[in-house]
């Protein structure tokens, strides 16, 4: 179990901010960083490979709260 948690700890989600041509907030795109084959197979098996594209949103909860 410790090994699995160590592997999952190495999986990282990057936020890419892009300037917009209009006024307002920058557009944020989320992508998983490059992973080893082992990390990739575990993420696929858990079914969370594309979770960043359909992120869960909880009212009042954010990344930097």
C-alpha atoms as a PDB file:
ATOM      1  CA  UNK A   1       0.000   0.000   0.000  1.00  0.00           C
ATOM      2  CA  UNK A   2       2.857   2.405   0.771  1.00  0.00           C
ATOM      3  CA  UNK A   3       4.302   1.840  -2.693  1.00  0.00           C
ATOM      4  CA  UNK A   4       0.973   2.651  -4.354  1.00  0.00           C
ATOM      5  CA  UNK A   5       0.652   5.864  -2.354  1.00  0.00           C
ATOM      6  CA  UNK A   6       4.243   6.814  -3.194  1.00  0.00           C
ATOM      7  CA  UNK A   7       3.537   6.320  -6.897  1.00  0.00           C
ATOM      8  CA  UNK A   8       0.317   8.349  -6.732  1.00  0.00           C
ATOM      9  CA  UNK A   9       2.167  11.087  -4.862  1.00  0.00           C
ATOM     10  CA  UNK A  10       4.393  11.566  -7.927  1.00  0.00           C
ATOM     11  CA  UNK A  11       1.432  12.250 -10.249  1.00  0.00           C
ATOM     12  CA  UNK A  12       1.046  15.995 -10.703  1.00  0.00           C
ATOM     13  CA  UNK A  13      -1.561  18.222 -12.298  1.00  0.00           C
ATOM     14  CA  UNK A  14      -0.259  21.351 -14.019  1.00  0.00           C
ATOM     15  CA  UNK A  15      -2.259  24.538 -14.519  1.00  0.00           C
ATOM     16  CA  UNK A  16      -1.507  26.457 -17.706  1.00  0.00           C
ATOM     17  CA  UNK A  17      -2.727  30.065 -17.775  1.00  0.00           C
ATOM     18  CA  UNK A  18      -3.356  31.702 -21.139  1.00  0.00           C
ATOM     19  CA  UNK A  19      -3.899  35.395 -21.813  1.00  0.00           C
ATOM     20  CA  UNK A  20      -7.268  36.288 -23.209  1.00  0.00           C
ATOM     21  CA  UNK A  21      -7.805  38.750 -26.026  1.00  0.00           C
ATOM     22  CA  UNK A  22     -10.599  40.402 -24.076  1.00  0.00           C
ATOM     23  CA  UNK A  23     -10.727  41.781 -20.574  1.00  0.00           C
ATOM     24  CA  UNK A  24     -11.291  39.395 -17.753  1.00  0.00           C
ATOM     25  CA  UNK A  25      -9.740  36.383 -16.182  1.00  0.00           C
ATOM     26  CA  UNK A  26      -7.035  34.329 -17.824  1.00  0.00           C
ATOM     27  CA  UNK A  27      -8.089  30.981 -19.257  1.00  0.00           C
ATOM     28  CA  UNK A  28      -6.879  28.045 -17.163  1.00  0.00           C
ATOM     29  CA  UNK A  29      -6.122  24.678 -18.745  1.00  0.00           C
ATOM     30  CA  UNK A  30      -5.301  21.656 -16.601  1.00  0.00           C
ATOM     31  CA  UNK A  31      -3.023  18.849 -17.793  1.00  0.00           C
ATOM     32  CA  UNK A  32      -1.335  15.915 -16.146  1.00  0.00           C
ATOM     33  CA  UNK A  33       2.432  16.149 -16.268  1.00  0.00           C
ATOM     34  CA  UNK A  34       4.418  13.433 -18.018  1.00  0.00           C
ATOM     35  CA  UNK A  35       4.280  10.140 -16.142  1.00  0.00           C
ATOM     36  CA  UNK A  36       6.144   6.873 -16.124  1.00  0.00           C
ATOM     37  CA  UNK A  37       4.444   3.862 -17.718  1.00  0.00           C
ATOM     38  CA  UNK A  38       3.720   2.481 -14.243  1.00  0.00           C
ATOM     39  CA  UNK A  39       2.074   5.717 -13.080  1.00  0.00           C
ATOM     40  CA  UNK A  40       0.082   5.942 -16.303  1.00  0.00           C
ATOM     41  CA  UNK A  41      -1.258   2.394 -15.995  1.00  0.00           C
ATOM     42  CA  UNK A  42      -2.329   2.970 -12.368  1.00  0.00           C
ATOM     43  CA  UNK A  43      -4.065   6.250 -13.244  1.00  0.00           C
ATOM     44  CA  UNK A  44      -5.909   4.530 -16.108  1.00  0.00           C
ATOM     45  CA  UNK A  45      -6.894   1.597 -13.861  1.00  0.00           C
ATOM     46  CA  UNK A  46      -8.322   4.001 -11.266  1.00  0.00           C
ATOM     47  CA  UNK A  47     -10.297   5.760 -13.994  1.00  0.00           C
ATOM     48  CA  UNK A  48      -8.962   9.233 -13.217  1.00  0.00           C
ATOM     49  CA  UNK A  49      -6.852   9.850 -16.334  1.00  0.00           C
ATOM     50  CA  UNK A  50      -9.269  12.501 -17.687  1.00  0.00           C
ATOM     51  CA  UNK A  51     -10.720  13.693 -14.391  1.00  0.00           C
ATOM     52  CA  UNK A  52      -9.127  17.149 -14.794  1.00  0.00           C
ATOM     53  CA  UNK A  53     -11.327  17.766 -17.868  1.00  0.00           C
ATOM     54  CA  UNK A  54     -14.514  17.331 -15.808  1.00  0.00           C
ATOM     55  CA  UNK A  55     -13.390  18.563 -12.420  1.00  0.00           C
ATOM     56  CA  UNK A  56     -15.705  18.247  -9.464  1.00  0.00           C
ATOM     57  CA  UNK A  57     -16.733  21.595  -7.985  1.00  0.00           C
ATOM     58  CA  UNK A  58     -17.728  22.117  -4.389  1.00  0.00           C
ATOM     59  CA  UNK A  59     -19.200  25.431  -3.296  1.00  0.00           C
ATOM     60  CA  UNK A  60     -16.756  27.301  -1.065  1.00  0.00           C
ATOM     61  CA  UNK A  61     -13.888  24.884  -1.689  1.00  0.00           C
ATOM     62  CA  UNK A  62     -10.972  25.822  -3.894  1.00  0.00           C
ATOM     63  CA  UNK A  63      -7.360  24.966  -4.455  1.00  0.00           C
ATOM     64  CA  UNK A  64      -6.058  27.901  -2.442  1.00  0.00           C
ATOM     65  CA  UNK A  65      -8.652  28.144   0.374  1.00  0.00           C
END
